[in-house]
Amino acid sequence: MKNTEALVTDEYSDDLFEVVGRKAEDSEKIERPPLSAYKDSWLRLKKNKGAVVSLITLLIIILLAIFGPHMNEFKYYQTDYGASYQSPSQTHWLGTDKFGRDQWTRIWQGTRISLYIAILAALLDLIIGVTIGAISALLGGKVDNALQRLIEVLVGIPHLIVVILLIMLMKPGIVTITAAMVITGWVNMARLVRAQIFKLKEQEYILAAKSLGSSNTRLILHHLIPNTIGLIVINMMFTIPSAIFTEAFLSFIGLGLQEPLASLGVLINDGFHSMRNHFYLLLYPALVIIGIMVSFNILADGLRDALDPKMRK
């Protein structure tokens, strides 16, 4: 009997058995590689087909704005009265205007200028708005009251009236239009950043940084601003198409850029006067500005969903 028990014990030793399920030492092991917040946002953005298509469209338009004017031998200001109002052809891909200027070159040169004005105005809005909003929220008290009264005054003045008055006082040009947009354009950014930092300044990590002796500058640059990047990026994505529309509107009513400079507003204004007999002069720049406006807005919606942790499924 003892021999039988020994054989059974040897036949079914502990080495023949395996633990089913997770081992104790692997209970807290992370199987998935860690993701940063921005990488996670990028992965969620790629799942939004509309945002991806808009991003690709914007990249194509930007590349054409950079290289398009150099893809043929014509200059955007080059006139040829013998080639006035030519339809699209192998020589002039998108036709010519009343002065015989090549429309392909002028459209992409105009797109370049419009994007330059819009991005420059958005960057200045970003710098001024974020700085004032962060200082107002962090310091509070009299500083916050003074800055908020200034913002309320600027909000009460219609933005378009300020832009038109400044352009009438100064010579129309890229610098004038950009400055006119920035005068009141930073207000919305400042209010959004102020509201966000008011929420963040009472968080535990901010109180811990203060207790360790961090200065206000360090708090703003290393703790508060990085945690408002999502809000800032989304607001910028809405600001750029708004600035493009403002520039196009001013140029359309004759208060923006003047001939022979090209912008989308100038081209639409020229095409409007000739659309009855030469509709393509209005069609092509209108399609470009529609593509830019729609793409920026759809991409901004996609970024808002991707950067907002509450939108995770």
C-alpha atoms as a PDB file:
ATOM      1  CA  MET A   1       0.000   0.000   0.000  1.00  0.00           C
ATOM      2  CA  LYS A   2       2.817   2.365   0.825  1.00  0.00           C
ATOM      3  CA  ASN A   3       4.490   1.600  -2.489  1.00  0.00           C
ATOM      4  CA  THR A   4       1.292   2.457  -4.361  1.00  0.00           C
ATOM      5  CA  GLU A   5       0.981   5.851  -2.590  1.00  0.00           C
ATOM      6  CA  ALA A   6       4.614   6.649  -3.426  1.00  0.00           C
ATOM      7  CA  LEU A   7       4.035   5.881  -7.105  1.00  0.00           C
ATOM      8  CA  VAL A   8       0.937   8.145  -7.192  1.00  0.00           C
ATOM      9  CA  THR A   9       2.842  10.953  -5.481  1.00  0.00           C
ATOM     10  CA  ASP A  10       5.716  10.697  -7.952  1.00  0.00           C
ATOM     11  CA  GLU A  11       3.378  10.522 -10.929  1.00  0.00           C
ATOM     12  CA  TYR A  12       1.424  13.664  -9.909  1.00  0.00           C
ATOM     13  CA  SER A  13       4.137  15.950  -8.558  1.00  0.00           C
ATOM     14  CA  ASP A  14       3.753  19.755  -8.270  1.00  0.00           C
ATOM     15  CA  ASP A  15       5.881  20.286 -11.373  1.00  0.00           C
ATOM     16  CA  LEU A  16       3.105  18.833 -13.526  1.00  0.00           C
ATOM     17  CA  PHE A  17       0.551  21.470 -12.496  1.00  0.00           C
ATOM     18  CA  GLU A  18       0.210  25.098 -13.722  1.00  0.00           C
ATOM     19  CA  VAL A  19      -1.611  28.001 -12.083  1.00  0.00           C
ATOM     20  CA  VAL A  20      -4.717  28.944 -14.087  1.00  0.00           C
ATOM     21  CA  GLY A  21      -5.242  32.713 -14.470  1.00  0.00           C
ATOM     22  CA  ARG A  22      -2.983  35.604 -13.548  1.00  0.00           C
ATOM     23  CA  LYS A  23      -0.072  34.933 -11.235  1.00  0.00           C
ATOM     24  CA  ALA A  24       0.217  36.969  -8.056  1.00  0.00           C
ATOM     25  CA  GLU A  25       3.421  38.688  -9.194  1.00  0.00           C
ATOM     26  CA  ASP A  26       1.751  39.729 -12.492  1.00  0.00           C
ATOM     27  CA  SER A  27      -1.443  41.099 -10.913  1.00  0.00           C
ATOM     28  CA  GLU A  28      -0.323  44.738 -11.307  1.00  0.00           C
ATOM     29  CA  LYS A  29       1.673  44.340 -14.497  1.00  0.00           C
ATOM     30  CA  ILE A  30       0.706  46.811 -17.268  1.00  0.00           C
ATOM     31  CA  GLU A  31       0.267  44.872 -20.510  1.00  0.00           C
ATOM     32  CA  ARG A  32      -0.497  47.885 -22.712  1.00  0.00           C
ATOM     33  CA  PRO A  33       2.371  50.334 -23.391  1.00  0.00           C
ATOM     34  CA  PRO A  34       1.776  53.684 -21.647  1.00  0.00           C
ATOM     35  CA  LEU A  35       0.318  56.517 -23.755  1.00  0.00           C
ATOM     36  CA  SER A  36       0.866  60.216 -23.269  1.00  0.00           C
ATOM     37  CA  ALA A  37      -2.155  62.500 -23.328  1.00  0.00           C
ATOM     38  CA  TYR A  38      -1.195  63.919 -26.721  1.00  0.00           C
ATOM     39  CA  LYS A  39      -0.580  60.512 -28.285  1.00  0.00           C
ATOM     40  CA  ASP A  40      -3.903  59.294 -26.978  1.00  0.00           C
ATOM     41  CA  SER A  41      -5.581  62.401 -28.418  1.00  0.00           C
ATOM     42  CA  TRP A  42      -3.912  61.789 -31.788  1.00  0.00           C
ATOM     43  CA  LEU A  43      -5.164  58.185 -31.847  1.00  0.00           C
ATOM     44  CA  ARG A  44      -8.701  59.371 -31.125  1.00  0.00           C
ATOM     45  CA  LEU A  45      -8.419  62.128 -33.740  1.00  0.00           C
ATOM     46  CA  LYS A  46      -7.455  59.571 -36.407  1.00  0.00           C
ATOM     47  CA  LYS A  47     -10.711  57.728 -35.746  1.00  0.00           C
ATOM     48  CA  ASN A  48     -12.648  60.852 -36.796  1.00  0.00           C
ATOM     49  CA  LYS A  49     -12.831  60.506 -40.582  1.00  0.00           C
ATOM     50  CA  GLY A  50     -14.142  64.029 -41.111  1.00  0.00           C
ATOM     51  CA  ALA A  51     -11.269  65.562 -39.146  1.00  0.00           C
ATOM     52  CA  VAL A  52      -8.687  63.468 -41.016  1.00  0.00           C
ATOM     53  CA  VAL A  53     -10.122  64.450 -44.411  1.00  0.00           C
ATOM     54  CA  SER A  54     -10.160  68.108 -43.327  1.00  0.00           C
ATOM     55  CA  LEU A  55      -6.541  67.879 -42.162  1.00  0.00           C
ATOM     56  CA  ILE A  56      -5.459  66.380 -45.502  1.00  0.00           C
ATOM     57  CA  THR A  57      -7.421  69.054 -47.398  1.00  0.00           C
ATOM     58  CA  LEU A  58      -5.751  71.842 -45.413  1.00  0.00           C
ATOM     59  CA  LEU A  59      -2.308  70.339 -45.989  1.00  0.00           C
ATOM     60  CA  ILE A  60      -2.962  70.200 -49.750  1.00  0.00           C
ATOM     61  CA  ILE A  61      -4.178  73.814 -49.802  1.00  0.00           C
ATOM     62  CA  ILE A  62      -1.175  74.985 -47.761  1.00  0.00           C
ATOM     63  CA  LEU A  63       1.260  73.154 -50.067  1.00  0.00           C
ATOM     64  CA  LEU A  64      -0.408  74.667 -53.128  1.00  0.00           C
ATOM     65  CA  ALA A  65      -0.258  78.112 -51.505  1.00  0.00           C
ATOM     66  CA  ILE A  66       3.491  77.636 -51.017  1.00  0.00           C
ATOM     67  CA  PHE A  67       4.438  76.019 -54.323  1.00  0.00           C
ATOM     68  CA  GLY A  68       1.473  76.849 -56.592  1.00  0.00           C
ATOM     69  CA  PRO A  69       2.666  80.321 -57.706  1.00  0.00           C
ATOM     70  CA  HIS A  70       5.963  78.760 -58.840  1.00  0.00           C
ATOM     71  CA  MET A  71       4.436  75.952 -60.900  1.00  0.00           C
ATOM     72  CA  ASN A  72       4.286  78.016 -64.085  1.00  0.00           C
ATOM     73  CA  GLU A  73       6.167  80.912 -65.638  1.00  0.00           C
ATOM     74  CA  PHE A  74       3.624  83.627 -64.815  1.00  0.00           C
ATOM     75  CA  LYS A  75       3.769  86.163 -61.972  1.00  0.00           C
ATOM     76  CA  TYR A  76       0.682  87.154 -60.023  1.00  0.00           C
ATOM     77  CA  TYR A  77       1.124  90.812 -61.066  1.00  0.00           C
ATOM     78  CA  GLN A  78       2.134  90.078 -64.673  1.00  0.00           C
ATOM     79  CA  THR A  79      -0.329  91.644 -67.152  1.00  0.00           C
ATOM     80  CA  ASP A  80      -0.971  90.667 -70.763  1.00  0.00           C
ATOM     81  CA  TYR A  81      -3.807  92.622 -72.318  1.00  0.00           C
ATOM     82  CA  GLY A  82      -3.762  90.367 -75.366  1.00  0.00           C
ATOM     83  CA  ALA A  83      -4.774  87.405 -73.172  1.00  0.00           C
ATOM     84  CA  SER A  84      -7.662  89.061 -71.280  1.00  0.00           C
ATOM     85  CA  TYR A  85     -10.556  86.856 -70.161  1.00  0.00           C
ATOM     86  CA  GLN A  86      -9.183  83.600 -71.538  1.00  0.00           C
ATOM     87  CA  SER A  87     -10.943  80.430 -70.471  1.00  0.00           C
ATOM     88  CA  PRO A  88      -8.981  77.682 -68.701  1.00  0.00           C
ATOM     89  CA  SER A  89      -6.485  76.101 -71.080  1.00  0.00           C
ATOM     90  CA  GLN A  90      -3.123  74.332 -71.169  1.00  0.00           C
ATOM     91  CA  THR A  91      -1.345  77.695 -71.019  1.00  0.00           C
ATOM     92  CA  HIS A  92      -3.503  79.295 -68.340  1.00  0.00           C
ATOM     93  CA  TRP A  93      -4.830  76.420 -66.226  1.00  0.00           C
ATOM     94  CA  LEU A  94      -7.589  78.450 -64.547  1.00  0.00           C
ATOM     95  CA  GLY A  95      -7.950  81.154 -67.178  1.00  0.00           C
ATOM     96  CA  THR A  96      -7.052  84.858 -66.993  1.00  0.00           C
ATOM     97  CA  ASP A  97      -8.703  88.014 -65.656  1.00  0.00           C
ATOM     98  CA  LYS A  98      -9.439  91.371 -67.309  1.00  0.00           C
ATOM     99  CA  PHE A  99      -5.754  92.312 -67.308  1.00  0.00           C
ATOM    100  CA  GLY A 100      -4.630  88.957 -68.700  1.00  0.00           C
ATOM    101  CA  ARG A 101      -3.149  87.848 -65.370  1.00  0.00           C
ATOM    102  CA  ASP A 102      -2.904  84.114 -64.784  1.00  0.00           C
ATOM    103  CA  GLN A 103      -5.614  83.001 -62.349  1.00  0.00           C
ATOM    104  CA  TRP A 104      -3.799  79.888 -61.131  1.00  0.00           C
ATOM    105  CA  THR A 105      -0.890  81.993 -59.920  1.00  0.00           C
ATOM    106  CA  ARG A 106      -3.107  84.701 -58.447  1.00  0.00           C
ATOM    107  CA  ILE A 107      -5.378  82.255 -56.602  1.00  0.00           C
ATOM    108  CA  TRP A 108      -2.541  80.492 -54.798  1.00  0.00           C
ATOM    109  CA  GLN A 109      -0.699  83.740 -54.172  1.00  0.00           C
ATOM    110  CA  GLY A 110      -3.926  85.129 -52.718  1.00  0.00           C
ATOM    111  CA  THR A 111      -4.406  81.994 -50.621  1.00  0.00           C
ATOM    112  CA  ARG A 112      -0.872  82.407 -49.291  1.00  0.00           C
ATOM    113  CA  ILE A 113      -1.502  86.019 -48.276  1.00  0.00           C
ATOM    114  CA  SER A 114      -4.884  85.253 -46.711  1.00  0.00           C
ATOM    115  CA  LEU A 115      -3.448  82.364 -44.698  1.00  0.00           C
ATOM    116  CA  TYR A 116      -0.479  84.503 -43.656  1.00  0.00           C
ATOM    117  CA  ILE A 117      -2.741  87.270 -42.358  1.00  0.00           C
ATOM    118  CA  ALA A 118      -5.038  84.813 -40.571  1.00  0.00           C
ATOM    119  CA  ILE A 119      -2.260  82.777 -38.926  1.00  0.00           C
ATOM    120  CA  LEU A 120      -0.352  85.922 -37.890  1.00  0.00           C
ATOM    121  CA  ALA A 121      -3.489  87.431 -36.357  1.00  0.00           C
ATOM    122  CA  ALA A 122      -4.270  84.138 -34.583  1.00  0.00           C
ATOM    123  CA  LEU A 123      -0.732  83.911 -33.148  1.00  0.00           C
ATOM    124  CA  LEU A 124      -0.888  87.490 -31.840  1.00  0.00           C
ATOM    125  CA  ASP A 125      -4.325  86.777 -30.354  1.00  0.00           C
ATOM    126  CA  LEU A 126      -2.807  83.699 -28.728  1.00  0.00           C
ATOM    127  CA  ILE A 127       0.147  85.549 -27.195  1.00  0.00           C
ATOM    128  CA  ILE A 128      -1.861  88.530 -25.919  1.00  0.00           C
ATOM    129  CA  GLY A 129      -4.952  86.602 -24.857  1.00  0.00           C
ATOM    130  CA  VAL A 130      -3.136  83.815 -23.022  1.00  0.00           C
ATOM    131  CA  THR A 131      -0.820  86.263 -21.243  1.00  0.00           C
ATOM    132  CA  ILE A 132      -3.590  88.574 -20.051  1.00  0.00           C
ATOM    133  CA  GLY A 133      -5.953  85.726 -19.181  1.00  0.00           C
ATOM    134  CA  ALA A 134      -3.319  83.880 -17.155  1.00  0.00           C
ATOM    135  CA  ILE A 135      -2.179  86.990 -15.271  1.00  0.00           C
ATOM    136  CA  SER A 136      -5.749  88.043 -14.558  1.00  0.00           C
ATOM    137  CA  ALA A 137      -6.735  84.640 -13.152  1.00  0.00           C
ATOM    138  CA  LEU A 138      -3.568  83.980 -11.177  1.00  0.00           C
ATOM    139  CA  LEU A 139      -3.161  87.396  -9.524  1.00  0.00           C
ATOM    140  CA  GLY A 140      -6.856  88.146  -9.036  1.00  0.00           C
ATOM    141  CA  GLY A 141      -7.964  91.083  -6.910  1.00  0.00           C
ATOM    142  CA  LYS A 142      -7.464  94.579  -8.319  1.00  0.00           C
ATOM    143  CA  VAL A 143      -5.443  93.320 -11.284  1.00  0.00           C
ATOM    144  CA  ASP A 144      -8.236  90.972 -12.326  1.00  0.00           C
ATOM    145  CA  ASN A 145     -10.883  93.701 -11.875  1.00  0.00           C
ATOM    146  CA  ALA A 146      -8.920  96.200 -13.982  1.00  0.00           C
ATOM    147  CA  LEU A 147      -8.287  93.720 -16.799  1.00  0.00           C
ATOM    148  CA  GLN A 148     -11.887  92.536 -16.802  1.00  0.00           C
ATOM    149  CA  ARG A 149     -13.173  96.104 -17.074  1.00  0.00           C
ATOM    150  CA  LEU A 150     -10.873  96.599 -20.089  1.00  0.00           C
ATOM    151  CA  ILE A 151     -12.174  93.404 -21.672  1.00  0.00           C
ATOM    152  CA  GLU A 152     -15.784  94.453 -21.079  1.00  0.00           C
ATOM    153  CA  VAL A 153     -15.159  97.773 -22.833  1.00  0.00           C
ATOM    154  CA  LEU A 154     -13.609  96.003 -25.842  1.00  0.00           C
ATOM    155  CA  VAL A 155     -16.415  93.446 -25.955  1.00  0.00           C
ATOM    156  CA  GLY A 156     -18.979  96.266 -26.036  1.00  0.00           C
ATOM    157  CA  ILE A 157     -17.427  97.741 -29.198  1.00  0.00           C
ATOM    158  CA  PRO A 158     -18.413  95.885 -32.404  1.00  0.00           C
ATOM    159  CA  HIS A 159     -15.315  94.190 -33.795  1.00  0.00           C
ATOM    160  CA  LEU A 160     -16.055  95.057 -37.426  1.00  0.00           C
ATOM    161  CA  ILE A 161     -16.447  98.770 -36.650  1.00  0.00           C
ATOM    162  CA  VAL A 162     -13.028  98.853 -34.960  1.00  0.00           C
ATOM    163  CA  VAL A 163     -11.458  97.119 -37.943  1.00  0.00           C
ATOM    164  CA  ILE A 164     -13.055  99.456 -40.501  1.00  0.00           C
ATOM    165  CA  LEU A 165     -12.170 102.611 -38.544  1.00  0.00           C
ATOM    166  CA  LEU A 166      -8.523 101.599 -38.188  1.00  0.00           C
ATOM    167  CA  ILE A 167      -8.225 100.723 -41.871  1.00  0.00           C
ATOM    168  CA  MET A 168      -9.763 104.081 -42.815  1.00  0.00           C
ATOM    169  CA  LEU A 169      -7.219 105.890 -40.618  1.00  0.00           C
ATOM    170  CA  MET A 170      -4.236 103.912 -41.888  1.00  0.00           C
ATOM    171  CA  LYS A 171      -3.133 102.810 -45.331  1.00  0.00           C
ATOM    172  CA  PRO A 172      -4.733  99.454 -46.222  1.00  0.00           C
ATOM    173  CA  GLY A 173      -2.206  96.637 -46.159  1.00  0.00           C
ATOM    174  CA  ILE A 174      -1.234  93.380 -44.511  1.00  0.00           C
ATOM    175  CA  VAL A 175       0.075  95.044 -41.343  1.00  0.00           C
ATOM    176  CA  THR A 176      -2.965  97.314 -41.009  1.00  0.00           C
ATOM    177  CA  ILE A 177      -5.469  94.463 -41.457  1.00  0.00           C
ATOM    178  CA  THR A 178      -3.589  92.251 -38.999  1.00  0.00           C
ATOM    179  CA  ALA A 179      -3.388  95.018 -36.382  1.00  0.00           C
ATOM    180  CA  ALA A 180      -7.089  95.787 -36.809  1.00  0.00           C
ATOM    181  CA  MET A 181      -8.000  92.149 -36.193  1.00  0.00           C
ATOM    182  CA  VAL A 182      -5.777  91.857 -33.124  1.00  0.00           C
ATOM    183  CA  ILE A 183      -7.114  94.983 -31.323  1.00  0.00           C
ATOM    184  CA  THR A 184     -10.197  93.142 -30.118  1.00  0.00           C
ATOM    185  CA  GLY A 185      -9.484  89.623 -31.377  1.00  0.00           C
ATOM    186  CA  TRP A 186      -7.582  88.522 -28.256  1.00  0.00           C
ATOM    187  CA  VAL A 187     -10.523  89.154 -25.922  1.00  0.00           C
ATOM    188  CA  ASN A 188     -12.215  85.782 -26.400  1.00  0.00           C
ATOM    189  CA  MET A 189      -8.953  83.900 -25.862  1.00  0.00           C
ATOM    190  CA  ALA A 190      -8.255  85.857 -22.664  1.00  0.00           C
ATOM    191  CA  ARG A 191     -11.688  85.093 -21.212  1.00  0.00           C
ATOM    192  CA  LEU A 192     -11.446  81.369 -21.974  1.00  0.00           C
ATOM    193  CA  VAL A 193      -7.948  81.056 -20.517  1.00  0.00           C
ATOM    194  CA  ARG A 194      -8.946  83.039 -17.415  1.00  0.00           C
ATOM    195  CA  ALA A 195     -11.934  80.784 -16.755  1.00  0.00           C
ATOM    196  CA  GLN A 196      -9.840  77.634 -17.210  1.00  0.00           C
ATOM    197  CA  ILE A 197      -7.013  78.818 -14.949  1.00  0.00           C
ATOM    198  CA  PHE A 198      -9.519  79.774 -12.235  1.00  0.00           C
ATOM    199  CA  LYS A 199     -10.479  76.098 -12.167  1.00  0.00           C
ATOM    200  CA  LEU A 200      -6.877  74.875 -12.175  1.00  0.00           C
ATOM    201  CA  LYS A 201      -5.358  77.246  -9.611  1.00  0.00           C
ATOM    202  CA  GLU A 202      -7.110  75.486  -6.715  1.00  0.00           C
ATOM    203  CA  GLN A 203      -5.906  72.017  -7.703  1.00  0.00           C
ATOM    204  CA  GLU A 204      -3.628  70.123  -5.331  1.00  0.00           C
ATOM    205  CA  TYR A 205      -0.581  70.157  -7.610  1.00  0.00           C
ATOM    206  CA  ILE A 206      -0.748  73.967  -7.900  1.00  0.00           C
ATOM    207  CA  LEU A 207      -0.971  74.333  -4.113  1.00  0.00           C
ATOM    208  CA  ALA A 208       1.947  71.927  -3.769  1.00  0.00           C
ATOM    209  CA  ALA A 209       4.010  73.944  -6.271  1.00  0.00           C
ATOM    210  CA  LYS A 210       3.237  77.146  -4.350  1.00  0.00           C
ATOM    211  CA  SER A 211       4.256  75.553  -1.064  1.00  0.00           C
ATOM    212  CA  LEU A 212       7.574  74.547  -2.641  1.00  0.00           C
ATOM    213  CA  GLY A 213       8.250  78.174  -3.552  1.00  0.00           C
ATOM    214  CA  SER A 214       7.339  78.281  -7.252  1.00  0.00           C
ATOM    215  CA  SER A 215       7.039  81.802  -8.631  1.00  0.00           C
ATOM    216  CA  ASN A 216       3.984  83.014 -10.548  1.00  0.00           C
ATOM    217  CA  THR A 217       5.961  82.881 -13.805  1.00  0.00           C
ATOM    218  CA  ARG A 218       6.874  79.246 -13.222  1.00  0.00           C
ATOM    219  CA  LEU A 219       3.311  78.378 -12.269  1.00  0.00           C
ATOM    220  CA  ILE A 220       2.005  79.917 -15.483  1.00  0.00           C
ATOM    221  CA  LEU A 221       4.635  78.482 -17.854  1.00  0.00           C
ATOM    222  CA  HIS A 222       5.126  75.016 -16.332  1.00  0.00           C
ATOM    223  CA  HIS A 223       1.781  74.135 -14.756  1.00  0.00           C
ATOM    224  CA  LEU A 224      -1.169  76.271 -15.868  1.00  0.00           C
ATOM    225  CA  ILE A 225      -0.545  76.926 -19.576  1.00  0.00           C
ATOM    226  CA  PRO A 226       0.363  73.275 -20.411  1.00  0.00           C
ATOM    227  CA  ASN A 227      -2.955  72.199 -18.905  1.00  0.00           C
ATOM    228  CA  THR A 228      -4.896  74.649 -21.096  1.00  0.00           C
ATOM    229  CA  ILE A 229      -3.211  73.681 -24.392  1.00  0.00           C
ATOM    230  CA  GLY A 230      -6.270  71.808 -25.609  1.00  0.00           C
ATOM    231  CA  LEU A 231      -8.539  74.802 -25.085  1.00  0.00           C
ATOM    232  CA  ILE A 232      -6.000  77.143 -26.723  1.00  0.00           C
ATOM    233  CA  VAL A 233      -5.533  74.948 -29.798  1.00  0.00           C
ATOM    234  CA  ILE A 234      -9.263  74.541 -30.334  1.00  0.00           C
ATOM    235  CA  ASN A 235      -9.891  78.282 -30.024  1.00  0.00           C
ATOM    236  CA  MET A 236      -7.079  79.011 -32.498  1.00  0.00           C
ATOM    237  CA  MET A 237      -8.585  76.602 -34.998  1.00  0.00           C
ATOM    238  CA  PHE A 238     -11.817  78.610 -34.898  1.00  0.00           C
ATOM    239  CA  THR A 239      -9.960  81.948 -34.960  1.00  0.00           C
ATOM    240  CA  ILE A 240      -8.059  81.288 -38.214  1.00  0.00           C
ATOM    241  CA  PRO A 241     -11.122  80.789 -40.487  1.00  0.00           C
ATOM    242  CA  SER A 242     -12.805  83.765 -38.819  1.00  0.00           C
ATOM    243  CA  ALA A 243      -9.771  85.925 -39.653  1.00  0.00           C
ATOM    244  CA  ILE A 244      -9.740  84.651 -43.252  1.00  0.00           C
ATOM    245  CA  PHE A 245     -13.402  85.559 -43.611  1.00  0.00           C
ATOM    246  CA  THR A 246     -12.798  89.026 -42.136  1.00  0.00           C
ATOM    247  CA  GLU A 247      -9.917  89.691 -44.543  1.00  0.00           C
ATOM    248  CA  ALA A 248     -11.977  88.444 -47.506  1.00  0.00           C
ATOM    249  CA  PHE A 249     -14.922  90.609 -46.485  1.00  0.00           C
ATOM    250  CA  LEU A 250     -12.780  93.740 -46.130  1.00  0.00           C
ATOM    251  CA  SER A 251     -11.119  93.138 -49.487  1.00  0.00           C
ATOM    252  CA  PHE A 252     -14.506  92.457 -51.080  1.00  0.00           C
ATOM    253  CA  ILE A 253     -15.916  95.828 -49.971  1.00  0.00           C
ATOM    254  CA  GLY A 254     -12.714  97.627 -51.006  1.00  0.00           C
ATOM    255  CA  LEU A 255     -11.212  98.252 -47.546  1.00  0.00           C
ATOM    256  CA  GLY A 256      -8.687  95.422 -47.625  1.00  0.00           C
ATOM    257  CA  LEU A 257      -5.757  94.754 -49.897  1.00  0.00           C
ATOM    258  CA  GLN A 258      -5.612  96.677 -53.152  1.00  0.00           C
ATOM    259  CA  GLU A 259      -4.539  95.740 -56.674  1.00  0.00           C
ATOM    260  CA  PRO A 260      -2.148  94.391 -57.867  1.00  0.00           C
ATOM    261  CA  LEU A 261      -1.871  92.448 -54.581  1.00  0.00           C
ATOM    262  CA  ALA A 262      -3.853  89.254 -54.520  1.00  0.00           C
ATOM    263  CA  SER A 263      -5.929  87.777 -51.704  1.00  0.00           C
ATOM    264  CA  LEU A 264      -9.003  85.598 -51.721  1.00  0.00           C
ATOM    265  CA  GLY A 265     -11.186  88.640 -51.020  1.00  0.00           C
ATOM    266  CA  VAL A 266      -9.641  90.620 -53.898  1.00  0.00           C
ATOM    267  CA  LEU A 267     -10.117  87.690 -56.287  1.00  0.00           C
ATOM    268  CA  ILE A 268     -13.725  87.146 -55.226  1.00  0.00           C
ATOM    269  CA  ASN A 269     -14.411  90.857 -55.694  1.00  0.00           C
ATOM    270  CA  ASP A 270     -12.931  90.752 -59.204  1.00  0.00           C
ATOM    271  CA  GLY A 271     -14.833  87.589 -60.043  1.00  0.00           C
ATOM    272  CA  PHE A 272     -18.097  89.053 -58.753  1.00  0.00           C
ATOM    273  CA  HIS A 273     -17.960  91.874 -61.308  1.00  0.00           C
ATOM    274  CA  SER A 274     -17.335  89.411 -64.140  1.00  0.00           C
ATOM    275  CA  MET A 275     -19.383  86.396 -63.069  1.00  0.00           C
ATOM    276  CA  ARG A 276     -22.108  86.839 -65.685  1.00  0.00           C
ATOM    277  CA  ASN A 277     -19.761  86.142 -68.622  1.00  0.00           C
ATOM    278  CA  HIS A 278     -16.747  84.598 -66.876  1.00  0.00           C
ATOM    279  CA  PHE A 279     -18.106  82.658 -63.890  1.00  0.00           C
ATOM    280  CA  TYR A 280     -14.836  80.769 -63.343  1.00  0.00           C
ATOM    281  CA  LEU A 281     -13.178  83.957 -62.026  1.00  0.00           C
ATOM    282  CA  LEU A 282     -15.539  83.764 -59.032  1.00  0.00           C
ATOM    283  CA  LEU A 283     -15.899  79.989 -58.814  1.00  0.00           C
ATOM    284  CA  TYR A 284     -12.305  78.968 -58.149  1.00  0.00           C
ATOM    285  CA  PRO A 285     -11.410  81.423 -55.345  1.00  0.00           C
ATOM    286  CA  ALA A 286     -14.831  80.794 -53.776  1.00  0.00           C
ATOM    287  CA  LEU A 287     -14.157  77.045 -53.738  1.00  0.00           C
ATOM    288  CA  VAL A 288     -10.775  77.619 -52.096  1.00  0.00           C
ATOM    289  CA  ILE A 289     -12.145  79.833 -49.319  1.00  0.00           C
ATOM    290  CA  ILE A 290     -15.059  77.442 -48.737  1.00  0.00           C
ATOM    291  CA  GLY A 291     -12.617  74.528 -48.505  1.00  0.00           C
ATOM    292  CA  ILE A 292     -10.468  76.399 -45.972  1.00  0.00           C
ATOM    293  CA  MET A 293     -13.392  77.539 -43.828  1.00  0.00           C
ATOM    294  CA  VAL A 294     -15.166  74.158 -43.747  1.00  0.00           C
ATOM    295  CA  SER A 295     -11.947  72.180 -43.176  1.00  0.00           C
ATOM    296  CA  PHE A 296     -10.819  74.359 -40.283  1.00  0.00           C
ATOM    297  CA  ASN A 297     -14.210  74.137 -38.586  1.00  0.00           C
ATOM    298  CA  ILE A 298     -14.519  70.354 -38.963  1.00  0.00           C
ATOM    299  CA  LEU A 299     -10.922  69.876 -37.792  1.00  0.00           C
ATOM    300  CA  ALA A 300     -11.596  72.123 -34.783  1.00  0.00           C
ATOM    301  CA  ASP A 301     -14.615  69.991 -33.842  1.00  0.00           C
ATOM    302  CA  GLY A 302     -12.486  66.871 -34.170  1.00  0.00           C
ATOM    303  CA  LEU A 303      -9.724  68.340 -32.009  1.00  0.00           C
ATOM    304  CA  ARG A 304     -12.256  69.345 -29.372  1.00  0.00           C
ATOM    305  CA  ASP A 305     -13.520  65.771 -29.167  1.00  0.00           C
ATOM    306  CA  ALA A 306      -9.995  64.324 -29.172  1.00  0.00           C
ATOM    307  CA  LEU A 307      -8.487  66.658 -26.580  1.00  0.00           C
ATOM    308  CA  ASP A 308     -11.419  66.573 -24.168  1.00  0.00           C
ATOM    309  CA  PRO A 309     -11.047  63.593 -21.774  1.00  0.00           C
ATOM    310  CA  LYS A 310     -14.791  63.646 -21.137  1.00  0.00           C
ATOM    311  CA  MET A 311     -15.391  62.652 -24.769  1.00  0.00           C
ATOM    312  CA  ARG A 312     -13.639  59.290 -24.349  1.00  0.00           C
ATOM    313  CA  LYS A 313     -15.825  56.287 -24.972  1.00  0.00           C
END
